Amino acid sequence: MNRTEQQFFALLQSGLWEKPVDQSLFSGDPDWSTILKMAHMQTVSGIIFDGISYLQADLQPPAAIMRQLYQTVIRIEKSHALFNERLTRLIPLLQSENIHPILLKGQGVAQNYPNPMHRQCGDIDLYIGKKDYRRACELAVEKGIVSNDTLESHKHFYFEWDGVAIEFHRIVEKFPDPFKNKIFQQWTQYHLQREKLQVWNLNDIDVLLPPPNFNALYIFNHAFLHFIADGIGCRQLNDWVMYLYRFHDQIDRQELMKDLKAFGLLRTWQIFGCIAVHQLGLSEEKFPFYTDKFRDISQTVILKDILLSGNFGRYDQKWATRPAGYLSGKFHNFRMKNRRVIQLSSTIGSNVGFYYLYYLVIGIQQIVNDKLK
């Protein structure tokens, strides 16, 4: 890593773990413009802001830059307040109809951060399940909380509620490998039984959350699927790292090892684990199954891609060339996704064919659904 990247990760670790920064890294004239651009690309501006607070005053960014960053943090905090408000209205509405959603990721994992309000929001994902899925979607429409901007996929019903993106999940996730997917759906049902769930009390509303062993694997796998398809930023890995830290003593490692092997994820788990430990600061003891043997590939392939592409790959210039037409745009995205899969085949291993077929099938299904609408 170059010096600016070292400075970025030093601040990120400081914000994540509430620990002092190596002040000597910031002697001279840090490129604050690039550091804050990286924070924006990785959607970690709030965490970087917290890290900067551990720098001595004469090493902090100029006042004009700090004012700009502070405005960004205020927007993040307001977004959290809005998302939490939506949850306190939406969950009781569903519960009144005997529908008990489970909150995936998002505001739930934010609670594992030192300052939850500084973890940047994305959307609200609620797992409804197949039994109540259609009824929940109809209820949202009946109550007038669904805007015209809706989308339904094989996994979920997407809508916006006054600027907040919400997804009602029929299933939690889908594996590209149909054989592993069958096992995953059974695994999901096993872990998301009511008696196994955790509860987060949000303004006197009980929000159901998945149990530790489920989330440890699911948060990672969800990030990994996005990494293969488009790319990810540090926010997704921060969520995983903070969860592993917060629940390290509640995760059954023997069970987790069995599940990682069953889903073919152990190698990639350990590759990303090198970033979790060396860039994000999680201790080796609290990272299950850490090994240093994948450190080189984690730095030269994975970390390089994360820094280049940013949050969900949005800063990769290849995506900017998408044609304006609907079908031509879809075909362009398919080509880009599968070119990415092939380029990363050394990381994915033998599963590469399943990812290729997965994106092809999902793309065709989405085109059919859109045209029928």
Protein backbone atom coordinates (compact mmCIF):
# COMPACT_ATOMS: atom_id res chain seq x y z
CA MET A 1 0.00 0.00 0.00
CA ASN A 2 1.10 3.56 -0.61
CA ARG A 3 1.32 6.09 2.24
CA THR A 4 -2.12 7.60 1.62
CA GLU A 5 -3.73 4.16 1.77
CA GLN A 6 -1.84 3.42 4.99
CA GLN A 7 -3.16 6.67 6.45
CA PHE A 8 -6.71 5.81 5.36
CA PHE A 9 -6.64 2.41 7.05
CA ALA A 10 -4.98 3.82 10.17
CA LEU A 11 -7.90 6.25 10.55
CA LEU A 12 -10.43 3.55 9.74
CA GLN A 13 -9.02 1.25 12.43
CA SER A 14 -8.96 4.10 14.92
CA GLY A 15 -12.63 4.85 14.26
CA LEU A 16 -13.65 1.20 14.41
CA TRP A 17 -11.80 0.34 17.60
CA GLU A 18 -11.67 3.71 19.38
CA LYS A 19 -7.90 3.57 19.63
CA PRO A 20 -5.08 6.10 19.10
CA VAL A 21 -3.68 6.71 15.63
CA ASP A 22 0.00 6.38 14.80
CA GLN A 23 0.68 10.12 14.71
CA SER A 24 3.96 9.68 12.83
CA LEU A 25 2.03 8.48 9.77
CA PHE A 26 0.58 11.97 9.40
CA SER A 27 3.72 14.03 9.62
CA GLY A 28 4.41 16.11 6.53
CA ASP A 29 1.45 17.01 4.36
CA PRO A 30 -1.20 14.26 4.09
CA ASP A 31 -3.30 14.23 0.94
CA TRP A 32 -6.57 14.85 2.75
CA SER A 33 -8.51 15.27 -0.47
CA THR A 34 -7.60 11.72 -1.55
CA ILE A 35 -8.18 10.25 1.91
CA LEU A 36 -11.69 11.72 2.07
CA LYS A 37 -12.38 10.64 -1.52
CA MET A 38 -11.45 7.09 -0.47
CA ALA A 39 -13.76 7.38 2.55
CA HIS A 40 -16.60 8.44 0.26
CA MET A 41 -15.94 5.61 -2.22
CA GLN A 42 -15.81 3.05 0.60
CA THR A 43 -18.87 4.58 2.37
CA VAL A 44 -16.99 4.96 5.65
CA SER A 45 -16.89 8.76 6.01
CA GLY A 46 -18.43 8.60 9.49
CA ILE A 47 -15.82 6.10 10.72
CA ILE A 48 -12.97 8.15 9.23
CA PHE A 49 -14.37 11.23 10.97
CA ASP A 50 -14.20 9.34 14.28
CA GLY A 51 -10.63 8.27 13.50
CA ILE A 52 -9.53 11.82 12.76
CA SER A 53 -10.70 12.84 16.23
CA TYR A 54 -7.83 10.75 17.64
CA LEU A 55 -5.24 12.83 15.76
CA GLN A 56 -3.61 15.68 17.61
CA ALA A 57 -5.03 19.03 16.55
CA ASP A 58 -2.07 20.18 14.45
CA LEU A 59 -2.21 16.98 12.35
CA GLN A 60 -5.93 17.12 11.60
CA PRO A 61 -7.24 18.35 8.22
CA PRO A 62 -7.68 22.08 7.59
CA ALA A 63 -10.86 23.66 8.98
CA ALA A 64 -12.53 23.90 5.55
CA ILE A 65 -12.09 20.16 4.93
CA MET A 66 -13.32 19.31 8.43
CA ARG A 67 -16.46 21.42 7.91
CA GLN A 68 -17.18 19.54 4.70
CA LEU A 69 -16.64 16.17 6.41
CA TYR A 70 -18.78 17.23 9.37
CA GLN A 71 -21.68 18.03 7.02
CA THR A 72 -21.37 14.53 5.56
CA VAL A 73 -21.50 13.01 9.06
CA ILE A 74 -24.59 15.06 9.92
CA ARG A 75 -26.32 13.64 6.82
CA ILE A 76 -25.37 10.11 7.90
CA GLU A 77 -26.78 10.69 11.37
CA LYS A 78 -30.03 12.09 9.94
CA SER A 79 -30.29 9.07 7.67
CA HIS A 80 -30.01 6.77 10.70
CA ALA A 81 -32.76 8.64 12.49
CA LEU A 82 -34.98 8.33 9.42
CA PHE A 83 -34.29 4.60 8.96
CA ASN A 84 -34.97 3.89 12.64
CA GLU A 85 -38.20 5.87 12.44
CA ARG A 86 -39.31 3.80 9.45
CA LEU A 87 -38.58 0.59 11.33
CA THR A 88 -40.62 1.70 14.34
CA ARG A 89 -43.60 2.29 12.03
CA LEU A 90 -43.22 -0.61 9.61
CA ILE A 91 -42.55 -3.47 12.02
CA PRO A 92 -45.61 -2.84 14.26
CA LEU A 93 -47.74 -2.59 11.09
CA LEU A 94 -46.60 -6.05 9.99
CA GLN A 95 -46.85 -7.48 13.50
CA SER A 96 -50.45 -6.26 13.75
CA GLU A 97 -51.21 -8.71 10.92
CA ASN A 98 -49.31 -11.53 12.67
CA ILE A 99 -46.33 -11.13 10.34
CA HIS A 100 -43.03 -11.15 12.21
CA PRO A 101 -40.19 -9.87 10.01
CA ILE A 102 -36.50 -10.43 10.76
CA LEU A 103 -34.16 -7.50 10.13
CA LEU A 104 -31.17 -8.47 7.97
CA LYS A 105 -27.90 -6.50 8.20
CA GLY A 106 -28.43 -2.71 8.11
CA GLN A 107 -29.58 -1.03 11.29
CA GLY A 108 -29.14 -4.28 13.20
CA VAL A 109 -25.42 -4.68 12.44
CA ALA A 110 -24.89 -0.95 13.00
CA GLN A 111 -25.46 -1.64 16.71
CA ASN A 112 -22.10 -3.46 16.81
CA TYR A 113 -20.15 -0.28 15.99
CA PRO A 114 -18.78 2.05 18.70
CA ASN A 115 -21.01 4.76 17.25
CA PRO A 116 -23.90 3.11 15.34
CA MET A 117 -25.01 6.49 13.96
CA HIS A 118 -21.75 6.82 11.99
CA ARG A 119 -22.15 3.58 10.04
CA GLN A 120 -23.51 4.66 6.66
CA CYS A 121 -27.04 3.44 5.89
CA GLY A 122 -27.99 1.46 2.80
CA ASP A 123 -31.53 0.11 2.87
CA ILE A 124 -33.91 -1.85 5.10
CA ASP A 125 -33.99 -5.60 4.44
CA LEU A 126 -36.77 -7.53 6.16
CA TYR A 127 -36.98 -11.28 5.87
CA ILE A 128 -40.66 -12.20 5.68
CA GLY A 129 -40.53 -15.79 4.45
CA LYS A 130 -42.55 -17.52 1.76
CA LYS A 131 -45.65 -18.05 3.88
CA ASP A 132 -46.34 -14.36 4.62
CA TYR A 133 -44.43 -12.73 1.76
CA ARG A 134 -47.34 -11.96 -0.58
CA ARG A 135 -49.55 -10.77 2.28
CA ALA A 136 -46.80 -8.40 3.49
CA CYS A 137 -46.36 -6.92 0.00
CA GLU A 138 -50.11 -6.39 -0.38
CA LEU A 139 -50.29 -4.80 3.06
CA ALA A 140 -47.58 -2.28 2.17
CA VAL A 141 -49.50 -1.34 -0.97
CA GLU A 142 -52.84 -1.11 0.88
CA LYS A 143 -51.38 1.21 3.52
CA GLY A 144 -49.99 3.54 0.87
CA ILE A 145 -46.35 3.29 1.88
CA VAL A 146 -45.19 1.96 -1.48
CA SER A 147 -44.10 4.46 -4.13
CA ASN A 148 -44.34 3.76 -7.85
CA ASP A 149 -40.65 2.82 -7.92
CA THR A 150 -41.02 -0.92 -7.21
CA LEU A 151 -39.11 -3.98 -8.36
CA GLU A 152 -39.71 -7.66 -7.68
CA SER A 153 -37.04 -10.31 -8.08
CA HIS A 154 -36.65 -13.98 -7.22
CA LYS A 155 -35.57 -12.92 -3.71
CA HIS A 156 -37.54 -9.86 -2.72
CA PHE A 157 -40.02 -7.06 -3.32
CA TYR A 158 -38.27 -3.68 -3.49
CA PHE A 159 -39.99 -0.35 -2.91
CA GLU A 160 -39.27 3.12 -1.62
CA TRP A 161 -41.02 4.78 1.26
CA ASP A 162 -40.42 8.53 1.20
CA GLY A 163 -36.79 8.17 0.20
CA VAL A 164 -35.97 4.99 2.17
CA ALA A 165 -35.29 1.84 0.15
CA ILE A 166 -37.01 -1.23 1.62
CA GLU A 167 -36.89 -4.88 0.61
CA PHE A 168 -39.32 -7.58 1.74
CA HIS A 169 -37.47 -10.87 1.37
CA ARG A 170 -39.23 -14.05 0.31
CA ILE A 171 -35.92 -15.84 0.78
CA VAL A 172 -32.81 -14.49 2.48
CA GLU A 173 -30.32 -15.29 -0.27
CA LYS A 174 -29.74 -17.65 -3.17
CA PHE A 175 -26.57 -19.61 -3.90
CA PRO A 176 -25.46 -19.83 -7.55
CA ASP A 177 -24.81 -23.56 -7.10
CA PRO A 178 -28.29 -25.21 -7.05
CA PHE A 179 -27.09 -28.07 -4.86
CA LYS A 180 -25.56 -25.76 -2.27
CA ASN A 181 -28.61 -23.50 -2.57
CA LYS A 182 -30.92 -26.32 -1.51
CA ILE A 183 -28.79 -26.88 1.57
CA PHE A 184 -28.64 -23.13 2.24
CA GLN A 185 -32.44 -22.76 2.19
CA GLN A 186 -32.74 -25.57 4.73
CA TRP A 187 -29.92 -24.03 6.78
CA THR A 188 -31.75 -20.68 6.75
CA GLN A 189 -34.99 -22.21 7.98
CA TYR A 190 -33.13 -24.01 10.77
CA HIS A 191 -31.40 -20.87 12.07
CA LEU A 192 -34.29 -18.43 11.69
CA GLN A 193 -36.71 -20.27 13.94
CA ARG A 194 -38.34 -17.88 16.36
CA GLU A 195 -36.74 -19.32 19.50
CA LYS A 196 -33.23 -18.89 18.07
CA LEU A 197 -33.60 -15.19 17.20
CA GLN A 198 -32.13 -12.22 19.03
CA VAL A 199 -34.08 -9.07 19.88
CA TRP A 200 -33.01 -5.44 19.52
CA ASN A 201 -35.20 -3.00 21.41
CA LEU A 202 -35.60 0.11 19.25
CA ASN A 203 -37.66 2.82 20.94
CA ASP A 204 -39.78 0.16 22.71
CA ILE A 205 -40.25 -1.82 19.48
CA ASP A 206 -38.84 -5.36 19.48
CA VAL A 207 -36.86 -5.86 16.28
CA LEU A 208 -36.01 -9.50 15.55
CA LEU A 209 -32.42 -10.24 14.49
CA PRO A 210 -30.74 -13.46 13.27
CA PRO A 211 -28.63 -15.54 15.67
CA PRO A 212 -24.79 -15.32 15.76
CA ASN A 213 -23.82 -18.35 13.68
CA PHE A 214 -26.28 -17.39 10.96
CA ASN A 215 -25.08 -13.79 10.75
CA ALA A 216 -21.38 -14.65 10.88
CA LEU A 217 -21.70 -16.65 7.66
CA TYR A 218 -24.54 -14.72 6.03
CA ILE A 219 -22.98 -11.26 6.34
CA PHE A 220 -19.79 -12.59 4.76
CA ASN A 221 -21.53 -14.53 2.00
CA HIS A 222 -23.74 -11.57 1.08
CA ALA A 223 -20.68 -9.34 0.79
CA PHE A 224 -18.84 -12.01 -1.21
CA LEU A 225 -21.69 -12.37 -3.71
CA HIS A 226 -21.67 -8.61 -4.24
CA PHE A 227 -17.90 -8.68 -4.59
CA ILE A 228 -18.09 -11.27 -7.36
CA ALA A 229 -20.94 -9.50 -9.18
CA ASP A 230 -19.90 -5.84 -8.95
CA GLY A 231 -17.48 -5.14 -6.13
CA ILE A 232 -17.75 -3.98 -2.54
CA GLY A 233 -16.44 -1.22 -0.31
CA CYS A 234 -14.99 -1.39 3.16
CA ARG A 235 -18.40 -0.84 4.74
CA GLN A 236 -19.51 -4.39 3.94
CA LEU A 237 -16.33 -5.85 5.42
CA ASN A 238 -16.60 -3.55 8.45
CA ASP A 239 -20.05 -5.00 9.14
CA TRP A 240 -18.61 -8.52 9.07
CA VAL A 241 -15.58 -7.64 11.19
CA MET A 242 -17.57 -5.80 13.85
CA TYR A 243 -20.04 -8.67 14.03
CA LEU A 244 -17.27 -11.25 14.50
CA TYR A 245 -15.77 -9.08 17.23
CA ARG A 246 -19.05 -8.42 19.03
CA PHE A 247 -20.20 -12.06 19.00
CA HIS A 248 -16.88 -13.92 19.03
CA ASP A 249 -17.75 -15.70 22.27
CA GLN A 250 -21.23 -16.72 21.03
CA ILE A 251 -20.22 -18.16 17.65
CA ASP A 252 -19.93 -21.95 17.62
CA ARG A 253 -16.68 -22.36 15.69
CA GLN A 254 -17.06 -26.06 15.13
CA GLU A 255 -20.47 -25.51 13.56
CA LEU A 256 -19.18 -22.55 11.55
CA MET A 257 -16.31 -24.61 10.12
CA LYS A 258 -18.76 -27.33 9.09
CA ASP A 259 -21.00 -24.77 7.36
CA LEU A 260 -18.14 -22.98 5.58
CA LYS A 261 -16.97 -26.29 4.15
CA ALA A 262 -20.50 -27.33 3.18
CA PHE A 263 -21.00 -24.11 1.20
CA GLY A 264 -17.50 -24.08 -0.27
CA LEU A 265 -16.65 -20.79 1.43
CA LEU A 266 -13.71 -21.64 3.70
CA ARG A 267 -10.97 -20.55 1.27
CA THR A 268 -12.61 -17.22 0.43
CA TRP A 269 -13.42 -16.66 4.11
CA GLN A 270 -9.73 -17.00 4.92
CA ILE A 271 -8.66 -14.80 1.99
CA PHE A 272 -10.91 -11.96 3.12
CA GLY A 273 -9.84 -12.70 6.68
CA CYS A 274 -6.37 -11.37 5.89
CA ILE A 275 -7.96 -7.99 5.12
CA ALA A 276 -10.12 -8.23 8.25
CA VAL A 277 -6.99 -8.66 10.37
CA HIS A 278 -4.31 -6.60 8.61
CA GLN A 279 -6.31 -3.69 7.17
CA LEU A 280 -9.36 -3.52 9.46
CA GLY A 281 -7.64 -4.42 12.71
CA LEU A 282 -9.56 -7.46 14.00
CA SER A 283 -7.28 -9.61 16.16
CA GLU A 284 -6.30 -13.04 14.82
CA GLU A 285 -7.75 -14.62 17.98
CA LYS A 286 -11.20 -13.21 17.29
CA PHE A 287 -11.19 -14.14 13.60
CA PRO A 288 -12.27 -17.78 13.22
CA PHE A 289 -9.78 -19.92 11.23
CA TYR A 290 -7.26 -17.21 10.43
CA THR A 291 -4.31 -18.20 8.24
CA ASP A 292 -1.56 -16.09 6.71
CA LYS A 293 -1.13 -18.29 3.64
CA PHE A 294 -3.61 -16.23 1.57
CA ARG A 295 -2.23 -12.84 2.54
CA ASP A 296 -0.57 -12.18 -0.82
CA ILE A 297 -3.72 -12.82 -2.89
CA SER A 298 -5.79 -10.82 -0.41
CA GLN A 299 -3.58 -7.78 -1.01
CA THR A 300 -2.81 -8.09 -4.73
CA VAL A 301 -6.29 -9.15 -5.91
CA ILE A 302 -9.01 -8.48 -3.33
CA LEU A 303 -7.80 -5.31 -1.60
CA LYS A 304 -6.69 -3.80 -4.88
CA ASP A 305 -10.16 -4.37 -6.34
CA ILE A 306 -11.91 -2.93 -3.27
CA LEU A 307 -9.84 0.25 -3.37
CA LEU A 308 -10.31 0.65 -7.11
CA SER A 309 -14.03 -0.13 -7.40
CA GLY A 310 -15.48 1.18 -4.14
CA ASN A 311 -18.97 0.58 -2.78
CA PHE A 312 -20.77 -2.01 -4.95
CA GLY A 313 -18.23 -1.35 -7.71
CA ARG A 314 -19.78 2.02 -8.52
CA TYR A 315 -16.42 3.67 -9.17
CA ASP A 316 -15.18 1.10 -11.67
CA GLN A 317 -15.10 2.99 -14.97
CA LYS A 318 -16.15 -0.10 -16.94
CA TRP A 319 -19.69 0.30 -15.64
CA ALA A 320 -19.84 3.90 -16.87
CA THR A 321 -19.89 2.71 -20.49
CA ARG A 322 -23.32 1.06 -20.18
CA PRO A 323 -25.51 1.87 -23.23
CA ALA A 324 -28.76 3.79 -22.70
CA GLY A 325 -31.09 1.14 -24.18
CA TYR A 326 -32.83 -1.34 -21.84
CA LEU A 327 -31.77 -4.59 -23.53
CA SER A 328 -28.37 -3.29 -24.61
CA GLY A 329 -27.79 -2.07 -21.05
CA LYS A 330 -28.74 -5.46 -19.60
CA PHE A 331 -26.44 -7.23 -22.05
CA HIS A 332 -23.59 -4.85 -21.18
CA ASN A 333 -24.05 -5.55 -17.45
CA PHE A 334 -24.11 -9.29 -18.09
CA ARG A 335 -20.87 -9.08 -20.07
CA MET A 336 -19.21 -7.00 -17.36
CA LYS A 337 -20.32 -9.32 -14.55
CA ASN A 338 -19.10 -12.42 -16.30
CA ARG A 339 -15.84 -10.83 -17.37
CA ARG A 340 -15.36 -10.06 -13.69
CA VAL A 341 -16.16 -13.64 -12.70
CA ILE A 342 -13.57 -14.96 -15.13
CA GLN A 343 -10.93 -12.48 -13.96
CA LEU A 344 -11.54 -13.54 -10.35
CA SER A 345 -11.69 -17.26 -11.12
CA SER A 346 -8.51 -17.88 -9.14
CA THR A 347 -10.40 -16.64 -6.07
CA ILE A 348 -13.71 -18.35 -6.80
CA GLY A 349 -12.16 -21.64 -7.88
CA SER A 350 -14.34 -24.36 -9.33
CA ASN A 351 -17.58 -22.42 -8.71
CA VAL A 352 -16.93 -20.02 -11.58
CA GLY A 353 -19.32 -21.83 -13.94
CA PHE A 354 -22.18 -21.57 -11.46
CA TYR A 355 -21.75 -17.80 -11.14
CA TYR A 356 -21.81 -17.44 -14.93
CA LEU A 357 -25.03 -19.45 -15.25
CA TYR A 358 -26.53 -17.71 -12.23
CA TYR A 359 -26.18 -14.22 -13.71
CA LEU A 360 -27.49 -15.46 -17.06
CA VAL A 361 -30.62 -17.02 -15.55
CA ILE A 362 -31.31 -14.13 -13.16
CA GLY A 363 -30.84 -11.61 -15.97
CA ILE A 364 -33.31 -13.41 -18.24
CA GLN A 365 -35.85 -13.69 -15.42
CA GLN A 366 -35.57 -9.97 -14.68
CA ILE A 367 -36.04 -9.05 -18.34
CA VAL A 368 -39.15 -11.23 -18.57
CA ASN A 369 -40.59 -9.78 -15.34
CA ASP A 370 -39.93 -6.19 -16.45
CA LYS A 371 -41.47 -6.74 -19.87
CA LEU A 372 -44.56 -8.41 -18.39
CA LYS A 373 -45.07 -5.42 -16.07
